[in-house]
């Protein structure tokens, strides 16, 4: 297991969030789209995206990097980085004090699948088409770095604390959450911007098309970036309140060819670490997405926590398969809706929520959160 509660002096808390999603940029479009249950699938414009593998995708509307962020410092910037920089901008609007000390005590940790698939494709194509293999446009080279989105976001917004990128497929967001709370526990930072980013592109469309199993073929790809602001409870910034307490984060690798058993072990470890029972969990959110058959992950959550708990906001069915960012979008959806939810299942106080993620390559992870009854 990656994490253990032993020796943790304080459990970190989430005090702010931001989202750049197929609903739009910022809080309001996300909350409105989620509450309305509005699907965002549409046909990609072939004049923009070229020939793609699937007829539908969930795209951030009207998102052109240089139009959204301006021309200064954005020449050649890949889409995944543009989404992340925009999400950090939105987070800073809700928590402007994170840059008060020139960003020296603010860390940033982002999850990704593999950086920008389109960035790799563009440079590789240029290498083949150039007179010599090294004759490639220099502007393409930074997009080959897997930490491009994280480093570009930090530079753009002046966040000078620890800077980390984690690439673990669908569990990347939860792994970033775990890394962020370790930075706080070890006093490497006073606050951590935690999240994940995923772009839609022609390259990703075809890579996912050939990687997926036949039963997954109808799951439309989504894109976006979701971020959480993680702080120690004794160091919360002015005018912010606790949206959720991070009770436990656990992860493991399926080495026996039984991902459901690995996830069961992971879930049990999270409950044990937080000293709570399965019956105390108000919401259990899987990483399944629209178009896929009900996976073992969802069936396991229903078995352990009940059908009602799993029937919480199904964000994946609305914004598509956002891969690395899926688990963070789940948390953001949870924070967005929990303030309006009425007490049920015998819970008249704080609510416990569990977010899980399972990657086809064998990694599984989960996070257990406590949501205050008073809401935002």
Protein backbone atom coordinates (compact mmCIF):
# COMPACT_ATOMS: atom_id res chain seq x y z
CA UNK A 1 0.00 0.00 0.00
CA UNK A 2 1.15 3.49 -0.74
CA UNK A 3 -0.20 5.15 2.34
CA UNK A 4 -0.63 4.60 6.02
CA UNK A 5 -2.28 6.83 8.59
CA UNK A 6 0.30 6.01 11.25
CA UNK A 7 2.41 9.02 12.11
CA UNK A 8 0.25 11.57 10.29
CA UNK A 9 -0.07 14.54 12.67
CA UNK A 10 -2.95 16.16 10.80
CA UNK A 11 -5.30 15.10 8.07
CA UNK A 12 -5.18 17.61 5.20
CA UNK A 13 -8.31 19.38 4.05
CA UNK A 14 -9.63 20.53 0.68
CA UNK A 15 -10.53 24.22 0.77
CA UNK A 16 -11.07 25.17 -2.88
CA UNK A 17 -11.45 23.61 -6.32
CA UNK A 18 -11.55 24.56 -9.96
CA UNK A 19 -12.53 22.83 -13.17
CA UNK A 20 -12.05 23.30 -16.88
CA UNK A 21 -14.46 20.74 -18.29
CA UNK A 22 -16.70 20.02 -21.28
CA UNK A 23 -19.31 22.06 -19.40
CA UNK A 24 -17.08 25.13 -19.72
CA UNK A 25 -14.43 27.05 -17.78
CA UNK A 26 -14.93 27.57 -14.06
CA UNK A 27 -17.28 26.76 -11.19
CA UNK A 28 -20.57 28.01 -12.56
CA UNK A 29 -20.67 26.08 -15.86
CA UNK A 30 -19.58 22.91 -14.07
CA UNK A 31 -22.19 23.15 -11.33
CA UNK A 32 -24.95 24.07 -13.77
CA UNK A 33 -24.10 21.26 -16.18
CA UNK A 34 -23.82 18.71 -13.40
CA UNK A 35 -27.08 19.69 -11.70
CA UNK A 36 -28.91 19.63 -15.04
CA UNK A 37 -27.43 16.25 -15.96
CA UNK A 38 -26.45 17.71 -19.33
CA UNK A 39 -24.38 15.48 -21.58
CA UNK A 40 -21.61 17.22 -23.51
CA UNK A 41 -20.97 14.76 -26.36
CA UNK A 42 -20.67 16.21 -29.84
CA UNK A 43 -19.01 15.49 -33.15
CA UNK A 44 -15.43 16.83 -33.39
CA UNK A 45 -14.93 19.34 -36.20
CA UNK A 46 -12.72 17.60 -38.76
CA UNK A 47 -11.36 21.00 -39.88
CA UNK A 48 -9.85 21.36 -36.40
CA UNK A 49 -9.13 17.79 -35.33
CA UNK A 50 -8.63 16.00 -38.64
CA UNK A 51 -9.71 12.38 -39.00
CA UNK A 52 -10.40 10.90 -35.56
CA UNK A 53 -11.27 7.37 -34.53
CA UNK A 54 -14.70 7.89 -32.94
CA UNK A 55 -17.71 9.98 -34.01
CA UNK A 56 -18.27 11.69 -30.64
CA UNK A 57 -16.11 13.43 -28.05
CA UNK A 58 -16.64 15.59 -24.96
CA UNK A 59 -14.69 18.78 -25.65
CA UNK A 60 -14.14 21.95 -23.62
CA UNK A 61 -16.26 24.45 -25.61
CA UNK A 62 -14.50 27.21 -27.53
CA UNK A 63 -11.14 26.37 -26.00
CA UNK A 64 -8.23 27.70 -28.04
CA UNK A 65 -5.11 28.04 -25.91
CA UNK A 66 -3.90 31.39 -27.24
CA UNK A 67 -7.38 32.90 -27.19
CA UNK A 68 -8.03 31.85 -23.60
CA UNK A 69 -4.57 32.61 -22.16
CA UNK A 70 -3.27 35.26 -24.54
CA UNK A 71 -0.27 35.13 -26.84
CA UNK A 72 2.44 35.85 -24.26
CA UNK A 73 4.30 32.64 -23.43
CA UNK A 74 1.80 30.34 -25.14
CA UNK A 75 3.34 29.84 -28.57
CA UNK A 76 3.38 26.12 -29.31
CA UNK A 77 1.83 25.25 -25.93
CA UNK A 78 0.12 21.86 -26.02
CA UNK A 79 -3.57 21.55 -25.16
CA UNK A 80 -3.08 19.57 -21.92
CA UNK A 81 -0.84 22.34 -20.58
CA UNK A 82 -3.28 25.01 -21.70
CA UNK A 83 -6.11 23.30 -19.85
CA UNK A 84 -3.99 23.03 -16.69
CA UNK A 85 -2.83 26.66 -16.78
CA UNK A 86 -6.43 27.79 -17.20
CA UNK A 87 -7.59 25.64 -14.28
CA UNK A 88 -4.84 27.08 -12.05
CA UNK A 89 -5.93 30.58 -13.10
CA UNK A 90 -9.48 29.78 -11.99
CA UNK A 91 -8.21 28.37 -8.68
CA UNK A 92 -6.14 31.49 -8.00
CA UNK A 93 -9.28 33.57 -8.46
CA UNK A 94 -10.88 31.67 -5.57
CA UNK A 95 -7.68 31.57 -3.49
CA UNK A 96 -5.56 34.60 -4.46
CA UNK A 97 -3.37 34.35 -1.36
CA UNK A 98 -1.59 31.22 -2.62
CA UNK A 99 0.81 33.51 -4.49
CA UNK A 100 1.22 36.13 -1.74
CA UNK A 101 4.74 34.96 -0.86
CA UNK A 102 5.77 34.74 -4.51
CA UNK A 103 4.43 31.19 -4.48
CA UNK A 104 7.38 29.85 -2.47
CA UNK A 105 5.22 27.74 -0.15
CA UNK A 106 2.69 26.56 -2.73
CA UNK A 107 3.39 23.21 -4.38
CA UNK A 108 1.70 21.83 -7.46
CA UNK A 109 1.19 18.15 -8.25
CA UNK A 110 -0.56 17.08 -11.45
CA UNK A 111 -1.51 13.66 -12.74
CA UNK A 112 -1.37 12.71 -16.39
CA UNK A 113 -1.61 9.65 -18.58
CA UNK A 114 1.51 10.35 -20.63
CA UNK A 115 1.71 14.09 -21.10
CA UNK A 116 0.53 15.28 -24.50
CA UNK A 117 0.07 12.44 -26.98
CA UNK A 118 -0.34 15.03 -29.74
CA UNK A 119 2.93 16.66 -28.69
CA UNK A 120 4.77 13.37 -29.19
CA UNK A 121 3.04 12.81 -32.53
CA UNK A 122 3.82 16.30 -33.84
CA UNK A 123 7.53 16.11 -33.06
CA UNK A 124 7.85 12.56 -34.40
CA UNK A 125 6.14 13.54 -37.64
CA UNK A 126 8.37 16.60 -37.99
CA UNK A 127 11.46 14.42 -37.49
CA UNK A 128 10.40 12.17 -40.37
CA UNK A 129 9.42 15.03 -42.65
CA UNK A 130 12.51 17.20 -42.05
CA UNK A 131 15.61 17.09 -44.24
CA UNK A 132 17.40 15.50 -41.26
CA UNK A 133 15.87 13.80 -38.19
CA UNK A 134 16.99 16.67 -35.96
CA UNK A 135 15.38 19.29 -38.21
CA UNK A 136 12.30 19.84 -36.05
CA UNK A 137 10.68 23.12 -34.96
CA UNK A 138 12.15 23.96 -31.53
CA UNK A 139 8.69 24.99 -30.33
CA UNK A 140 7.63 21.31 -30.44
CA UNK A 141 10.35 20.07 -28.10
CA UNK A 142 8.96 21.21 -24.69
CA UNK A 143 5.70 19.36 -25.40
CA UNK A 144 7.63 16.10 -25.38
CA UNK A 145 8.26 16.48 -21.64
CA UNK A 146 5.77 14.62 -19.49
CA UNK A 147 5.93 17.36 -16.84
CA UNK A 148 5.17 20.10 -19.36
CA UNK A 149 1.71 20.91 -17.94
CA UNK A 150 2.88 21.06 -14.32
CA UNK A 151 5.98 23.13 -14.96
CA UNK A 152 4.21 25.47 -17.38
CA UNK A 153 1.39 26.05 -14.86
CA UNK A 154 3.89 26.85 -12.11
CA UNK A 155 5.88 29.25 -14.32
CA UNK A 156 2.76 30.94 -15.68
CA UNK A 157 1.31 31.63 -12.21
CA UNK A 158 4.49 31.95 -10.14
CA UNK A 159 4.11 28.83 -7.99
CA UNK A 160 7.66 28.17 -6.79
CA UNK A 161 7.17 25.34 -4.31
CA UNK A 162 7.73 21.63 -5.04
CA UNK A 163 6.65 20.67 -8.55
CA UNK A 164 5.69 17.08 -9.39
CA UNK A 165 4.06 15.10 -12.19
CA UNK A 166 2.63 11.61 -11.71
CA UNK A 167 1.76 9.39 -14.68
CA UNK A 168 -0.40 6.44 -13.65
CA UNK A 169 -3.28 6.33 -16.10
CA UNK A 170 -6.76 6.47 -14.57
CA UNK A 171 -5.44 6.47 -10.99
CA UNK A 172 -3.16 9.48 -11.58
CA UNK A 173 -5.45 11.97 -9.85
CA UNK A 174 -5.61 9.96 -6.63
CA UNK A 175 -1.87 9.34 -6.71
CA UNK A 176 -1.39 13.11 -7.00
CA UNK A 177 -3.68 13.59 -3.99
CA UNK A 178 -1.56 11.17 -1.97
CA UNK A 179 1.67 12.88 -3.01
CA UNK A 180 0.22 16.26 -2.13
CA UNK A 181 -0.72 15.24 1.38
CA UNK A 182 2.78 13.81 1.92
CA UNK A 183 4.26 17.18 0.99
CA UNK A 184 2.05 18.81 3.63
CA UNK A 185 2.82 16.19 6.27
CA UNK A 186 6.55 16.65 5.76
CA UNK A 187 6.19 20.46 5.75
CA UNK A 188 7.61 20.73 2.26
CA UNK A 189 4.78 23.15 1.46
CA UNK A 190 2.02 25.08 3.23
CA UNK A 191 -0.52 24.31 0.54
CA UNK A 192 -0.62 22.10 -2.54
CA UNK A 193 -2.48 22.50 -5.81
CA UNK A 194 -3.45 18.92 -6.64
CA UNK A 195 -5.18 17.64 -9.76
CA UNK A 196 -4.87 16.08 -13.18
CA UNK A 197 -5.17 17.12 -16.81
CA UNK A 198 -6.14 15.28 -19.97
CA UNK A 199 -6.40 16.64 -23.50
CA UNK A 200 -8.44 15.49 -26.48
CA UNK A 201 -6.46 15.20 -29.69
CA UNK A 202 -6.27 13.23 -32.90
CA UNK A 203 -3.32 11.27 -31.53
CA UNK A 204 -5.09 10.34 -28.29
CA UNK A 205 -8.22 9.38 -30.24
CA UNK A 206 -6.37 6.77 -32.28
CA UNK A 207 -4.19 5.54 -29.41
CA UNK A 208 -7.26 4.90 -27.24
CA UNK A 209 -9.11 3.33 -30.15
CA UNK A 210 -6.40 0.70 -30.62
CA UNK A 211 -5.75 0.20 -26.90
CA UNK A 212 -9.32 -0.45 -25.80
CA UNK A 213 -11.11 -3.76 -25.63
CA UNK A 214 -14.09 -4.21 -27.98
CA UNK A 215 -16.57 -3.71 -25.14
CA UNK A 216 -15.16 -0.24 -24.45
CA UNK A 217 -15.47 1.01 -28.02
CA UNK A 218 -18.53 3.22 -27.38
CA UNK A 219 -16.99 5.25 -24.54
CA UNK A 220 -16.47 8.74 -25.95
CA UNK A 221 -13.29 10.50 -24.90
CA UNK A 222 -13.46 13.60 -22.74
CA UNK A 223 -10.95 16.25 -21.76
CA UNK A 224 -10.31 18.84 -19.11
CA UNK A 225 -8.46 19.65 -15.90
CA UNK A 226 -9.75 19.51 -12.34
CA UNK A 227 -7.83 20.90 -9.35
CA UNK A 228 -8.11 20.83 -5.56
CA UNK A 229 -6.41 23.11 -3.05
CA UNK A 230 -5.00 21.01 -0.22
CA UNK A 231 -4.04 22.64 3.09
CA UNK A 232 -3.26 21.72 6.67
CA UNK A 233 -6.27 22.38 8.93
CA UNK A 234 -4.28 24.82 11.08
CA UNK A 235 -3.15 26.85 8.07
CA UNK A 236 -6.30 27.51 6.05
CA UNK A 237 -6.21 30.74 4.10
CA UNK A 238 -8.45 33.70 4.82
CA UNK A 239 -12.12 33.42 3.82
CA UNK A 240 -11.81 29.72 2.99
CA UNK A 241 -13.62 26.91 4.79
CA UNK A 242 -13.17 23.15 4.84
CA UNK A 243 -14.94 21.48 1.93
CA UNK A 244 -13.64 18.00 2.76
CA UNK A 245 -11.13 16.26 4.99
CA UNK A 246 -8.87 13.67 3.36
CA UNK A 247 -9.25 10.68 5.68
CA UNK A 248 -7.19 8.13 3.75
CA UNK A 249 -5.65 7.46 0.34
CA UNK A 250 -4.55 3.94 -0.59
CA UNK A 251 -3.33 2.28 -3.76
CA UNK A 252 -1.93 -1.03 -4.94
CA UNK A 253 -1.11 -3.01 -8.07
CA UNK A 254 -2.97 -6.07 -9.28
CA UNK A 255 -0.26 -8.72 -9.61
CA UNK A 256 -2.57 -11.76 -9.60
CA UNK A 257 -4.75 -10.95 -12.59
CA UNK A 258 -7.71 -10.12 -10.34
CA UNK A 259 -8.29 -6.34 -10.32
CA UNK A 260 -11.50 -6.66 -8.30
CA UNK A 261 -9.67 -8.44 -5.48
CA UNK A 262 -6.93 -5.80 -5.58
CA UNK A 263 -9.52 -3.03 -5.34
CA UNK A 264 -11.32 -4.80 -2.49
CA UNK A 265 -8.03 -4.88 -0.58
CA UNK A 266 -7.44 -1.22 -1.37
CA UNK A 267 -10.92 -0.19 -0.18
CA UNK A 268 -10.63 -2.23 3.00
CA UNK A 269 -7.28 -0.64 3.77
CA UNK A 270 -8.78 2.85 3.40
CA UNK A 271 -11.66 2.00 5.76
CA UNK A 272 -9.26 0.48 8.29
CA UNK A 273 -6.89 3.46 8.11
CA UNK A 274 -9.76 5.85 8.85
CA UNK A 275 -11.33 3.51 11.43
CA UNK A 276 -14.77 3.57 9.78
CA UNK A 277 -17.18 0.87 8.61
CA UNK A 278 -18.49 0.31 5.11
CA UNK A 279 -22.00 1.15 6.33
CA UNK A 280 -20.83 4.65 7.27
CA UNK A 281 -20.02 5.54 3.66
CA UNK A 282 -22.58 7.92 2.18
CA UNK A 283 -21.26 7.99 -1.40
CA UNK A 284 -19.01 5.59 -3.33
CA UNK A 285 -18.00 6.81 -6.77
CA UNK A 286 -16.35 4.47 -9.32
CA UNK A 287 -14.24 5.48 -12.30
CA UNK A 288 -16.49 3.86 -14.91
CA UNK A 289 -17.53 6.10 -17.77
CA UNK A 290 -20.28 6.39 -20.35
CA UNK A 291 -20.55 3.64 -22.93
CA UNK A 292 -18.78 0.89 -21.01
CA UNK A 293 -20.46 -2.19 -19.57
CA UNK A 294 -20.84 -2.18 -15.79
CA UNK A 295 -17.37 -3.20 -14.64
CA UNK A 296 -16.35 -5.25 -11.65
CA UNK A 297 -15.36 -2.03 -9.92
CA UNK A 298 -18.95 -0.78 -9.81
CA UNK A 299 -20.33 -4.16 -8.78
CA UNK A 300 -17.82 -4.33 -5.94
CA UNK A 301 -18.76 -0.87 -4.67
CA UNK A 302 -22.44 -1.81 -4.71
CA UNK A 303 -21.67 -4.98 -2.81
CA UNK A 304 -19.62 -3.18 -0.15
CA UNK A 305 -21.53 0.09 0.19
CA UNK A 306 -24.98 -0.45 -1.32
CA UNK A 307 -26.65 0.65 -4.54
CA UNK A 308 -27.82 3.95 -3.06
CA UNK A 309 -24.28 5.02 -2.24
CA UNK A 310 -23.09 4.31 -5.78
CA UNK A 311 -25.98 6.30 -7.27
CA UNK A 312 -24.29 9.63 -6.52
CA UNK A 313 -23.29 12.08 -9.30
CA UNK A 314 -22.18 10.04 -12.34
CA UNK A 315 -19.85 12.61 -13.85
CA UNK A 316 -18.28 10.23 -16.38
CA UNK A 317 -21.58 9.72 -18.19
CA UNK A 318 -21.78 13.50 -18.76
CA UNK A 319 -18.22 14.54 -19.64
CA UNK A 320 -16.83 11.29 -21.07
CA UNK A 321 -13.65 9.35 -20.40
CA UNK A 322 -11.24 11.91 -18.99
CA UNK A 323 -8.73 9.17 -18.06
CA UNK A 324 -6.07 10.68 -15.75
CA UNK A 325 -8.43 13.48 -14.65
CA UNK A 326 -11.44 11.22 -14.03
CA UNK A 327 -10.96 10.69 -10.28
CA UNK A 328 -10.40 14.40 -9.59
CA UNK A 329 -13.52 15.27 -11.58
CA UNK A 330 -15.34 12.75 -9.38
CA UNK A 331 -14.16 14.57 -6.26
CA UNK A 332 -15.07 17.96 -7.71
CA UNK A 333 -18.54 16.65 -8.61
CA UNK A 334 -18.89 15.36 -5.07
CA UNK A 335 -17.92 18.71 -3.54
CA UNK A 336 -20.23 20.51 -5.93
CA UNK A 337 -23.31 18.45 -5.08
CA UNK A 338 -22.78 17.53 -1.42
CA UNK A 339 -23.77 20.99 -0.18
CA UNK A 340 -27.25 20.51 -1.64
CA UNK A 341 -27.75 16.88 -0.60
CA UNK A 342 -30.13 16.16 2.23
CA UNK A 343 -29.12 13.86 5.06
CA UNK A 344 -30.00 10.24 4.36
CA UNK A 345 -28.91 6.70 5.16
CA UNK A 346 -28.99 7.74 8.81
CA UNK A 347 -26.38 10.47 8.33
CA UNK A 348 -27.43 13.68 10.03
CA UNK A 349 -23.91 15.09 10.34
CA UNK A 350 -20.70 14.79 8.35
CA UNK A 351 -20.76 12.49 5.33
CA UNK A 352 -18.13 10.00 4.25
CA UNK A 353 -17.45 9.67 0.55
CA UNK A 354 -15.18 7.23 -1.23
CA UNK A 355 -13.74 7.76 -4.70
CA UNK A 356 -12.12 4.81 -6.47
CA UNK A 357 -10.18 4.41 -9.68
CA UNK A 358 -9.04 1.38 -11.62
CA UNK A 359 -6.67 1.39 -14.58
CA UNK A 360 -6.56 -1.33 -17.26
CA UNK A 361 -2.82 -1.71 -16.61
CA UNK A 362 -3.52 -3.01 -13.10
CA UNK A 363 -3.24 0.01 -10.80
CA UNK A 364 -6.10 0.64 -8.37
CA UNK A 365 -6.55 3.43 -5.84
CA UNK A 366 -9.15 5.01 -3.60
CA UNK A 367 -9.58 8.08 -1.43
CA UNK A 368 -11.87 8.42 1.58
CA UNK A 369 -13.16 11.93 2.30
CA UNK A 370 -15.22 13.41 5.10
CA UNK A 371 -17.57 16.20 4.01
CA UNK A 372 -18.72 18.62 6.73
CA UNK A 373 -22.48 18.75 7.21
CA UNK A 374 -22.48 22.54 7.03
CA UNK A 375 -21.53 22.47 3.33
CA UNK A 376 -19.34 25.09 1.71
